[in-house]
Amino acid sequence: NKFCVYRGKKYDAKEGAEVLIENQLKGLERLGGMGLT
């Protein structure tokens, strides 16, 4: 993945990967046990 755009800011490659992974895992932790499969 070469970039992400998060809260109005574009993050390239490595920094964007860090932002993406952090939000993915935090999101899964937040939604786990909330009734979703």
PDB file of all heavy atoms in Angstrom:
ATOM      1  N   ASN A   1       0.856  -1.186   0.000  1.00  0.00           N
ATOM      2  CA  ASN A   1       0.000   0.000   0.000  1.00  0.00           C
ATOM      3  C   ASN A   1       0.894   1.239   0.000  1.00  0.00           C
ATOM      4  O   ASN A   1       1.752   1.390   0.870  1.00  0.00           O
ATOM      5  CB  ASN A   1      -0.899  -0.025   1.233  1.00  0.00           C
ATOM      6  CG  ASN A   1      -1.754   1.219   1.349  1.00  0.00           C
ATOM      7  OD1 ASN A   1      -2.208   1.761   0.351  1.00  0.00           O
ATOM      8  ND2 ASN A   1      -1.954   1.683   2.566  1.00  0.00           N
ATOM      9  N   LYS A   2       0.673   2.123  -0.970  1.00  0.00           N
ATOM     10  CA  LYS A   2       1.612   3.236  -1.136  1.00  0.00           C
ATOM     11  C   LYS A   2       1.229   4.499  -0.378  1.00  0.00           C
ATOM     12  O   LYS A   2       2.048   5.401  -0.237  1.00  0.00           O
ATOM     13  CB  LYS A   2       1.789   3.555  -2.619  1.00  0.00           C
ATOM     14  CG  LYS A   2       0.505   3.861  -3.368  1.00  0.00           C
ATOM     15  CD  LYS A   2       0.785   3.994  -4.860  1.00  0.00           C
ATOM     16  CE  LYS A   2      -0.496   4.184  -5.641  1.00  0.00           C
ATOM     17  NZ  LYS A   2      -0.240   4.329  -7.085  1.00  0.00           N
ATOM     18  N   PHE A   3      -0.015   4.592   0.107  1.00  0.00           N
ATOM     19  CA  PHE A   3      -0.401   5.764   0.888  1.00  0.00           C
ATOM     20  C   PHE A   3      -1.739   5.534   1.560  1.00  0.00           C
ATOM     21  O   PHE A   3      -2.481   4.605   1.226  1.00  0.00           O
ATOM     22  CB  PHE A   3      -0.486   7.026   0.014  1.00  0.00           C
ATOM     23  CG  PHE A   3      -1.637   7.035  -0.958  1.00  0.00           C
ATOM     24  CD1 PHE A   3      -2.919   7.418  -0.559  1.00  0.00           C
ATOM     25  CD2 PHE A   3      -1.449   6.668  -2.280  1.00  0.00           C
ATOM     26  CE1 PHE A   3      -3.984   7.425  -1.442  1.00  0.00           C
ATOM     27  CE2 PHE A   3      -2.514   6.676  -3.182  1.00  0.00           C
ATOM     28  CZ  PHE A   3      -3.778   7.054  -2.760  1.00  0.00           C
ATOM     29  N   CYS A   4      -2.062   6.406   2.512  1.00  0.00           N
ATOM     30  CA  CYS A   4      -3.430   6.511   3.004  1.00  0.00           C
ATOM     31  C   CYS A   4      -3.729   7.982   3.262  1.00  0.00           C
ATOM     32  O   CYS A   4      -2.822   8.785   3.471  1.00  0.00           O
ATOM     33  CB  CYS A   4      -3.653   5.667   4.267  1.00  0.00           C
ATOM     34  SG  CYS A   4      -2.918   6.316   5.774  1.00  0.00           S
ATOM     35  N   VAL A   5      -5.002   8.329   3.193  1.00  0.00           N
ATOM     36  CA  VAL A   5      -5.450   9.692   3.488  1.00  0.00           C
ATOM     37  C   VAL A   5      -6.328   9.609   4.728  1.00  0.00           C
ATOM     38  O   VAL A   5      -7.432   9.049   4.677  1.00  0.00           O
ATOM     39  CB  VAL A   5      -6.234  10.300   2.310  1.00  0.00           C
ATOM     40  CG1 VAL A   5      -6.708  11.707   2.667  1.00  0.00           C
ATOM     41  CG2 VAL A   5      -5.384  10.307   1.053  1.00  0.00           C
ATOM     42  N   TYR A   6      -5.831  10.149   5.826  1.00  0.00           N
ATOM     43  CA  TYR A   6      -6.519  10.000   7.106  1.00  0.00           C
ATOM     44  C   TYR A   6      -6.681  11.357   7.773  1.00  0.00           C
ATOM     45  O   TYR A   6      -5.711  12.071   7.989  1.00  0.00           O
ATOM     46  CB  TYR A   6      -5.724   9.052   8.004  1.00  0.00           C
ATOM     47  CG  TYR A   6      -6.336   8.819   9.366  1.00  0.00           C
ATOM     48  CD1 TYR A   6      -7.605   8.264   9.485  1.00  0.00           C
ATOM     49  CD2 TYR A   6      -5.650   9.158  10.528  1.00  0.00           C
ATOM     50  CE1 TYR A   6      -8.175   8.045  10.727  1.00  0.00           C
ATOM     51  CE2 TYR A   6      -6.205   8.939  11.777  1.00  0.00           C
ATOM     52  CZ  TYR A   6      -7.470   8.392  11.874  1.00  0.00           C
ATOM     53  OH  TYR A   6      -8.031   8.181  13.113  1.00  0.00           O
ATOM     54  N   ARG A   7      -7.930  11.706   8.066  1.00  0.00           N
ATOM     55  CA  ARG A   7      -8.272  12.983   8.694  1.00  0.00           C
ATOM     56  C   ARG A   7      -7.659  14.164   7.947  1.00  0.00           C
ATOM     57  O   ARG A   7      -7.102  15.083   8.539  1.00  0.00           O
ATOM     58  CB  ARG A   7      -7.841  12.986  10.161  1.00  0.00           C
ATOM     59  CG  ARG A   7      -8.603  11.957  10.998  1.00  0.00           C
ATOM     60  CD  ARG A   7      -8.238  12.029  12.475  1.00  0.00           C
ATOM     61  NE  ARG A   7      -9.021  11.072  13.256  1.00  0.00           N
ATOM     62  CZ  ARG A   7      -8.889  10.880  14.564  1.00  0.00           C
ATOM     63  NH1 ARG A   7      -8.006  11.616  15.252  1.00  0.00           N
ATOM     64  NH2 ARG A   7      -9.624   9.978  15.195  1.00  0.00           N
ATOM     65  N   GLY A   8      -7.766  14.092   6.619  1.00  0.00           N
ATOM     66  CA  GLY A   8      -7.340  15.194   5.775  1.00  0.00           C
ATOM     67  C   GLY A   8      -5.865  15.258   5.463  1.00  0.00           C
ATOM     68  O   GLY A   8      -5.424  16.157   4.743  1.00  0.00           O
ATOM     69  N   LYS A   9      -5.080  14.321   5.957  1.00  0.00           N
ATOM     70  CA  LYS A   9      -3.641  14.322   5.720  1.00  0.00           C
ATOM     71  C   LYS A   9      -3.244  13.063   4.966  1.00  0.00           C
ATOM     72  O   LYS A   9      -3.706  11.969   5.277  1.00  0.00           O
ATOM     73  CB  LYS A   9      -2.876  14.389   7.045  1.00  0.00           C
ATOM     74  CG  LYS A   9      -1.364  14.402   6.877  1.00  0.00           C
ATOM     75  CD  LYS A   9      -0.650  14.527   8.214  1.00  0.00           C
ATOM     76  CE  LYS A   9       0.859  14.501   8.041  1.00  0.00           C
ATOM     77  NZ  LYS A   9       1.583  14.631   9.338  1.00  0.00           N
ATOM     78  N   LYS A  10      -2.373  13.230   3.978  1.00  0.00           N
ATOM     79  CA  LYS A  10      -1.883  12.093   3.209  1.00  0.00           C
ATOM     80  C   LYS A  10      -0.585  11.574   3.811  1.00  0.00           C
ATOM     81  O   LYS A  10       0.366  12.331   4.026  1.00  0.00           O
ATOM     82  CB  LYS A  10      -1.656  12.486   1.749  1.00  0.00           C
ATOM     83  CG  LYS A  10      -1.249  11.308   0.866  1.00  0.00           C
ATOM     84  CD  LYS A  10      -1.169  11.722  -0.603  1.00  0.00           C
ATOM     85  CE  LYS A  10      -0.799  10.540  -1.486  1.00  0.00           C
ATOM     86  NZ  LYS A  10      -0.754  10.914  -2.918  1.00  0.00           N
ATOM     87  N   TYR A  11      -0.560  10.288   4.076  1.00  0.00           N
ATOM     88  CA  TYR A  11       0.621   9.628   4.634  1.00  0.00           C
ATOM     89  C   TYR A  11       1.173   8.670   3.591  1.00  0.00           C
ATOM     90  O   TYR A  11       0.447   7.825   3.063  1.00  0.00           O
ATOM     91  CB  TYR A  11       0.258   8.839   5.897  1.00  0.00           C
ATOM     92  CG  TYR A  11      -0.252   9.681   7.040  1.00  0.00           C
ATOM     93  CD1 TYR A  11      -1.604  10.010   7.137  1.00  0.00           C
ATOM     94  CD2 TYR A  11       0.606  10.146   8.040  1.00  0.00           C
ATOM     95  CE1 TYR A  11      -2.091  10.771   8.189  1.00  0.00           C
ATOM     96  CE2 TYR A  11       0.135  10.905   9.103  1.00  0.00           C
ATOM     97  CZ  TYR A  11      -1.210  11.212   9.172  1.00  0.00           C
ATOM     98  OH  TYR A  11      -1.680  11.968  10.222  1.00  0.00           O
ATOM     99  N   ASP A  12       2.441   8.775   3.297  1.00  0.00           N
ATOM    100  CA  ASP A  12       3.051   7.920   2.294  1.00  0.00           C
ATOM    101  C   ASP A  12       3.530   6.605   2.903  1.00  0.00           C
ATOM    102  O   ASP A  12       3.905   6.541   4.080  1.00  0.00           O
ATOM    103  CB  ASP A  12       4.228   8.632   1.619  1.00  0.00           C
ATOM    104  CG  ASP A  12       3.769   9.799   0.758  1.00  0.00           C
ATOM    105  OD1 ASP A  12       2.652   9.717   0.228  1.00  0.00           O
ATOM    106  OD2 ASP A  12       4.516  10.789   0.641  1.00  0.00           O
ATOM    107  N   ALA A  13       3.520   5.575   2.092  1.00  0.00           N
ATOM    108  CA  ALA A  13       4.073   4.238   2.335  1.00  0.00           C
ATOM    109  C   ALA A  13       4.221   3.843   3.802  1.00  0.00           C
ATOM    110  O   ALA A  13       3.262   3.427   4.431  1.00  0.00           O
ATOM    111  CB  ALA A  13       5.377   4.079   1.578  1.00  0.00           C
ATOM    112  N   LYS A  14       5.426   3.978   4.380  1.00  0.00           N
ATOM    113  CA  LYS A  14       5.701   3.439   5.716  1.00  0.00           C
ATOM    114  C   LYS A  14       4.837   4.099   6.789  1.00  0.00           C
ATOM    115  O   LYS A  14       4.230   3.414   7.625  1.00  0.00           O
ATOM    116  CB  LYS A  14       7.187   3.629   6.052  1.00  0.00           C
ATOM    117  CG  LYS A  14       7.611   3.133   7.436  1.00  0.00           C
ATOM    118  CD  LYS A  14       7.482   1.628   7.545  1.00  0.00           C
ATOM    119  CE  LYS A  14       7.777   1.119   8.958  1.00  0.00           C
ATOM    120  NZ  LYS A  14       9.106   1.454   9.457  1.00  0.00           N
ATOM    121  N   GLU A  15       4.775   5.419   6.804  1.00  0.00           N
ATOM    122  CA  GLU A  15       3.981   6.100   7.819  1.00  0.00           C
ATOM    123  C   GLU A  15       2.499   5.791   7.628  1.00  0.00           C
ATOM    124  O   GLU A  15       1.764   5.593   8.598  1.00  0.00           O
ATOM    125  CB  GLU A  15       4.224   7.606   7.767  1.00  0.00           C
ATOM    126  CG  GLU A  15       3.654   8.355   8.961  1.00  0.00           C
ATOM    127  CD  GLU A  15       3.993   9.832   8.960  1.00  0.00           C
ATOM    128  OE1 GLU A  15       4.549  10.326   7.954  1.00  0.00           O
ATOM    129  OE2 GLU A  15       3.692  10.505   9.968  1.00  0.00           O
ATOM    130  N   GLY A  16       2.070   5.735   6.380  1.00  0.00           N
ATOM    131  CA  GLY A  16       0.689   5.382   6.106  1.00  0.00           C
ATOM    132  C   GLY A  16       0.362   3.972   6.550  1.00  0.00           C
ATOM    133  O   GLY A  16      -0.736   3.701   7.045  1.00  0.00           O
ATOM    134  N   ALA A  17       1.310   3.066   6.379  1.00  0.00           N
ATOM    135  CA  ALA A  17       1.113   1.688   6.822  1.00  0.00           C
ATOM    136  C   ALA A  17       0.937   1.626   8.332  1.00  0.00           C
ATOM    137  O   ALA A  17       0.109   0.870   8.849  1.00  0.00           O
ATOM    138  CB  ALA A  17       2.299   0.829   6.391  1.00  0.00           C
ATOM    139  N   GLU A  18       1.703   2.426   9.051  1.00  0.00           N
ATOM    140  CA  GLU A  18       1.592   2.453  10.514  1.00  0.00           C
ATOM    141  C   GLU A  18       0.223   2.962  10.944  1.00  0.00           C
ATOM    142  O   GLU A  18      -0.412   2.398  11.858  1.00  0.00           O
ATOM    143  CB  GLU A  18       2.699   3.333  11.095  1.00  0.00           C
ATOM    144  CG  GLU A  18       4.098   2.748  10.911  1.00  0.00           C
ATOM    145  CD  GLU A  18       5.207   3.724  11.289  1.00  0.00           C
ATOM    146  OE1 GLU A  18       4.879   4.907  11.580  1.00  0.00           O
ATOM    147  OE2 GLU A  18       6.377   3.327  11.275  1.00  0.00           O
ATOM    148  N   VAL A  19      -0.249   4.016  10.290  1.00  0.00           N
ATOM    149  CA  VAL A  19      -1.575   4.572  10.605  1.00  0.00           C
ATOM    150  C   VAL A  19      -2.666   3.549  10.293  1.00  0.00           C
ATOM    151  O   VAL A  19      -3.588   3.325  11.097  1.00  0.00           O
ATOM    152  CB  VAL A  19      -1.814   5.878   9.808  1.00  0.00           C
ATOM    153  CG1 VAL A  19      -3.254   6.352   9.975  1.00  0.00           C
ATOM    154  CG2 VAL A  19      -0.845   6.965  10.264  1.00  0.00           C
ATOM    155  N   LEU A  20      -2.577   2.927   9.136  1.00  0.00           N
ATOM    156  CA  LEU A  20      -3.592   1.970   8.713  1.00  0.00           C
ATOM    157  C   LEU A  20      -3.673   0.788   9.673  1.00  0.00           C
ATOM    158  O   LEU A  20      -4.763   0.426  10.146  1.00  0.00           O
ATOM    159  CB  LEU A  20      -3.272   1.474   7.301  1.00  0.00           C
ATOM    160  CG  LEU A  20      -4.194   0.384   6.740  1.00  0.00           C
ATOM    161  CD1 LEU A  20      -5.639   0.866   6.648  1.00  0.00           C
ATOM    162  CD2 LEU A  20      -3.693  -0.078   5.362  1.00  0.00           C
ATOM    163  N   ILE A  21      -2.534   0.176   9.986  1.00  0.00           N
ATOM    164  CA  ILE A  21      -2.531  -1.007  10.849  1.00  0.00           C
ATOM    165  C   ILE A  21      -3.045  -0.663  12.243  1.00  0.00           C
ATOM    166  O   ILE A  21      -3.840  -1.412  12.833  1.00  0.00           O
ATOM    167  CB  ILE A  21      -1.117  -1.614  10.916  1.00  0.00           C
ATOM    168  CG1 ILE A  21      -0.728  -2.195   9.551  1.00  0.00           C
ATOM    169  CG2 ILE A  21      -1.037  -2.695  11.987  1.00  0.00           C
ATOM    170  CD1 ILE A  21       0.737  -2.563   9.428  1.00  0.00           C
ATOM    171  N   GLU A  22      -2.625   0.463  12.783  1.00  0.00           N
ATOM    172  CA  GLU A  22      -3.091   0.864  14.113  1.00  0.00           C
ATOM    173  C   GLU A  22      -4.612   0.997  14.143  1.00  0.00           C
ATOM    174  O   GLU A  22      -5.278   0.503  15.063  1.00  0.00           O
ATOM    175  CB  GLU A  22      -2.450   2.193  14.525  1.00  0.00           C
ATOM    176  CG  GLU A  22      -2.928   2.676  15.883  1.00  0.00           C
ATOM    177  CD  GLU A  22      -2.359   4.028  16.277  1.00  0.00           C
ATOM    178  OE1 GLU A  22      -1.613   4.634  15.473  1.00  0.00           O
ATOM    179  OE2 GLU A  22      -2.651   4.498  17.398  1.00  0.00           O
ATOM    180  N   ASN A  23      -5.174   1.650  13.123  1.00  0.00           N
ATOM    181  CA  ASN A  23      -6.618   1.851  13.094  1.00  0.00           C
ATOM    182  C   ASN A  23      -7.377   0.553  12.844  1.00  0.00           C
ATOM    183  O   ASN A  23      -8.467   0.343  13.400  1.00  0.00           O
ATOM    184  CB  ASN A  23      -6.971   2.886  12.032  1.00  0.00           C
ATOM    185  CG  ASN A  23      -6.617   4.300  12.447  1.00  0.00           C
ATOM    186  OD1 ASN A  23      -6.182   4.529  13.577  1.00  0.00           O
ATOM    187  ND2 ASN A  23      -6.779   5.243  11.555  1.00  0.00           N
ATOM    188  N   GLN A  24      -6.821  -0.316  12.013  1.00  0.00           N
ATOM    189  CA  GLN A  24      -7.459  -1.609  11.776  1.00  0.00           C
ATOM    190  C   GLN A  24      -7.563  -2.416  13.073  1.00  0.00           C
ATOM    191  O   GLN A  24      -8.633  -2.932  13.420  1.00  0.00           O
ATOM    192  CB  GLN A  24      -6.659  -2.408  10.744  1.00  0.00           C
ATOM    193  CG  GLN A  24      -6.755  -1.869   9.331  1.00  0.00           C
ATOM    194  CD  GLN A  24      -5.789  -2.560   8.388  1.00  0.00           C
ATOM    195  OE1 GLN A  24      -4.712  -3.022   8.799  1.00  0.00           O
ATOM    196  NE2 GLN A  24      -6.150  -2.657   7.118  1.00  0.00           N
ATOM    197  N   LEU A  25      -6.464  -2.511  13.793  1.00  0.00           N
ATOM    198  CA  LEU A  25      -6.441  -3.347  14.999  1.00  0.00           C
ATOM    199  C   LEU A  25      -7.252  -2.709  16.128  1.00  0.00           C
ATOM    200  O   LEU A  25      -7.956  -3.413  16.865  1.00  0.00           O
ATOM    201  CB  LEU A  25      -4.996  -3.591  15.432  1.00  0.00           C
ATOM    202  CG  LEU A  25      -4.112  -4.311  14.390  1.00  0.00           C
ATOM    203  CD1 LEU A  25      -2.733  -4.609  14.970  1.00  0.00           C
ATOM    204  CD2 LEU A  25      -4.773  -5.584  13.874  1.00  0.00           C
ATOM    205  N   LYS A  26      -7.188  -1.395  16.255  1.00  0.00           N
ATOM    206  CA  LYS A  26      -8.014  -0.715  17.259  1.00  0.00           C
ATOM    207  C   LYS A  26      -9.498  -0.893  16.938  1.00  0.00           C
ATOM    208  O   LYS A  26     -10.328  -1.073  17.834  1.00  0.00           O
ATOM    209  CB  LYS A  26      -7.672   0.781  17.305  1.00  0.00           C
ATOM    210  CG  LYS A  26      -6.402   1.130  18.055  1.00  0.00           C
ATOM    211  CD  LYS A  26      -5.996   2.585  17.847  1.00  0.00           C
ATOM    212  CE  LYS A  26      -7.090   3.560  18.206  1.00  0.00           C
ATOM    213  NZ  LYS A  26      -6.690   4.970  17.990  1.00  0.00           N
ATOM    214  N   GLY A  27      -9.827  -0.844  15.653  1.00  0.00           N
ATOM    215  CA  GLY A  27     -11.219  -1.019  15.245  1.00  0.00           C
ATOM    216  C   GLY A  27     -11.736  -2.413  15.540  1.00  0.00           C
ATOM    217  O   GLY A  27     -12.855  -2.583  16.029  1.00  0.00           O
ATOM    218  N   LEU A  28     -10.913  -3.421  15.260  1.00  0.00           N
ATOM    219  CA  LEU A  28     -11.318  -4.791  15.563  1.00  0.00           C
ATOM    220  C   LEU A  28     -11.498  -4.984  17.059  1.00  0.00           C
ATOM    221  O   LEU A  28     -12.451  -5.631  17.504  1.00  0.00           O
ATOM    222  CB  LEU A  28     -10.269  -5.779  15.026  1.00  0.00           C
ATOM    223  CG  LEU A  28     -10.201  -5.931  13.506  1.00  0.00           C
ATOM    224  CD1 LEU A  28      -9.070  -6.888  13.140  1.00  0.00           C
ATOM    225  CD2 LEU A  28     -11.521  -6.431  12.935  1.00  0.00           C
ATOM    226  N   GLU A  29     -10.602  -4.417  17.830  1.00  0.00           N
ATOM    227  CA  GLU A  29     -10.725  -4.520  19.287  1.00  0.00           C
ATOM    228  C   GLU A  29     -11.999  -3.836  19.770  1.00  0.00           C
ATOM    229  O   GLU A  29     -12.694  -4.340  20.658  1.00  0.00           O
ATOM    230  CB  GLU A  29      -9.506  -3.901  19.949  1.00  0.00           C
ATOM    231  CG  GLU A  29      -9.467  -4.048  21.458  1.00  0.00           C
ATOM    232  CD  GLU A  29      -8.196  -3.497  22.070  1.00  0.00           C
ATOM    233  OE1 GLU A  29      -7.596  -2.576  21.481  1.00  0.00           O
ATOM    234  OE2 GLU A  29      -7.798  -3.992  23.140  1.00  0.00           O
ATOM    235  N   ARG A  30     -12.329  -2.703  19.172  1.00  0.00           N
ATOM    236  CA  ARG A  30     -13.520  -1.953  19.564  1.00  0.00           C
ATOM    237  C   ARG A  30     -14.789  -2.719  19.231  1.00  0.00           C
ATOM    238  O   ARG A  30     -15.750  -2.739  20.018  1.00  0.00           O
ATOM    239  CB  ARG A  30     -13.516  -0.599  18.849  1.00  0.00           C
ATOM    240  CG  ARG A  30     -14.814   0.193  18.923  1.00  0.00           C
ATOM    241  CD  ARG A  30     -15.054   0.776  20.290  1.00  0.00           C
ATOM    242  NE  ARG A  30     -16.299   1.520  20.333  1.00  0.00           N
ATOM    243  CZ  ARG A  30     -17.513   0.995  20.531  1.00  0.00           C
ATOM    244  NH1 ARG A  30     -17.638  -0.318  20.730  1.00  0.00           N
ATOM    245  NH2 ARG A  30     -18.586   1.759  20.545  1.00  0.00           N
ATOM    246  N   LEU A  31     -14.830  -3.376  18.078  1.00  0.00           N
ATOM    247  CA  LEU A  31     -16.058  -4.012  17.615  1.00  0.00           C
ATOM    248  C   LEU A  31     -16.182  -5.471  18.046  1.00  0.00           C
ATOM    249  O   LEU A  31     -17.254  -6.053  17.959  1.00  0.00           O
ATOM    250  CB  LEU A  31     -16.139  -3.929  16.087  1.00  0.00           C
ATOM    251  CG  LEU A  31     -16.443  -2.523  15.546  1.00  0.00           C
ATOM    252  CD1 LEU A  31     -16.239  -2.471  14.044  1.00  0.00           C
ATOM    253  CD2 LEU A  31     -17.863  -2.098  15.900  1.00  0.00           C
ATOM    254  N   GLY A  32     -15.102  -6.064  18.499  1.00  0.00           N
ATOM    255  CA  GLY A  32     -15.166  -7.435  18.972  1.00  0.00           C
ATOM    256  C   GLY A  32     -16.128  -7.551  20.146  1.00  0.00           C
ATOM    257  O   GLY A  32     -16.103  -6.739  21.058  1.00  0.00           O
ATOM    258  N   GLY A  33     -16.984  -8.552  20.111  1.00  0.00           N
ATOM    259  CA  GLY A  33     -17.946  -8.732  21.194  1.00  0.00           C
ATOM    260  C   GLY A  33     -19.156  -7.824  21.130  1.00  0.00           C
ATOM    261  O   GLY A  33     -19.963  -7.801  22.065  1.00  0.00           O
ATOM    262  N   MET A  34     -19.318  -7.075  20.033  1.00  0.00           N
ATOM    263  CA  MET A  34     -20.437  -6.147  19.908  1.00  0.00           C
ATOM    264  C   MET A  34     -21.581  -6.710  19.063  1.00  0.00           C
ATOM    265  O   MET A  34     -22.480  -5.981  18.668  1.00  0.00           O
ATOM    266  CB  MET A  34     -19.950  -4.820  19.303  1.00  0.00           C
ATOM    267  CG  MET A  34     -18.925  -4.088  20.160  1.00  0.00           C
ATOM    268  SD  MET A  34     -19.557  -3.670  21.807  1.00  0.00           S
ATOM    269  CE  MET A  34     -20.758  -2.408  21.381  1.00  0.00           C
ATOM    270  N   GLY A  35     -21.540  -8.014  18.778  1.00  0.00           N
ATOM    271  CA  GLY A  35     -22.634  -8.643  18.060  1.00  0.00           C
ATOM    272  C   GLY A  35     -22.384  -8.864  16.586  1.00  0.00           C
ATOM    273  O   GLY A  35     -23.180  -9.535  15.913  1.00  0.00           O
ATOM    274  N   LEU A  36     -21.319  -8.306  16.057  1.00  0.00           N
ATOM    275  CA  LEU A  36     -20.980  -8.515  14.658  1.00  0.00           C
ATOM    276  C   LEU A  36     -20.238  -9.839  14.480  1.00  0.00           C
ATOM    277  O   LEU A  36     -19.479 -10.256  15.356  1.00  0.00           O
ATOM    278  CB  LEU A  36     -20.070  -7.392  14.147  1.00  0.00           C
ATOM    279  CG  LEU A  36     -20.643  -5.982  14.072  1.00  0.00           C
ATOM    280  CD1 LEU A  36     -19.524  -5.005  13.768  1.00  0.00           C
ATOM    281  CD2 LEU A  36     -21.711  -5.903  13.014  1.00  0.00           C
ATOM    282  N   THR A  37     -20.444 -10.489  13.350  1.00  0.00           N
ATOM    283  CA  THR A  37     -19.577 -11.591  12.948  1.00  0.00           C
ATOM    284  C   THR A  37     -18.498 -10.998  12.065  1.00  0.00           C
ATOM    285  O   THR A  37     -18.798 -10.318  11.080  1.00  0.00           O
ATOM    286  CB  THR A  37     -20.372 -12.665  12.187  1.00  0.00           C
ATOM    287  OG1 THR A  37     -21.421 -13.148  13.031  1.00  0.00           O
ATOM    288  CG2 THR A  37     -19.468 -13.825  11.804  1.00  0.00           C
TER     289      THR A  37
END
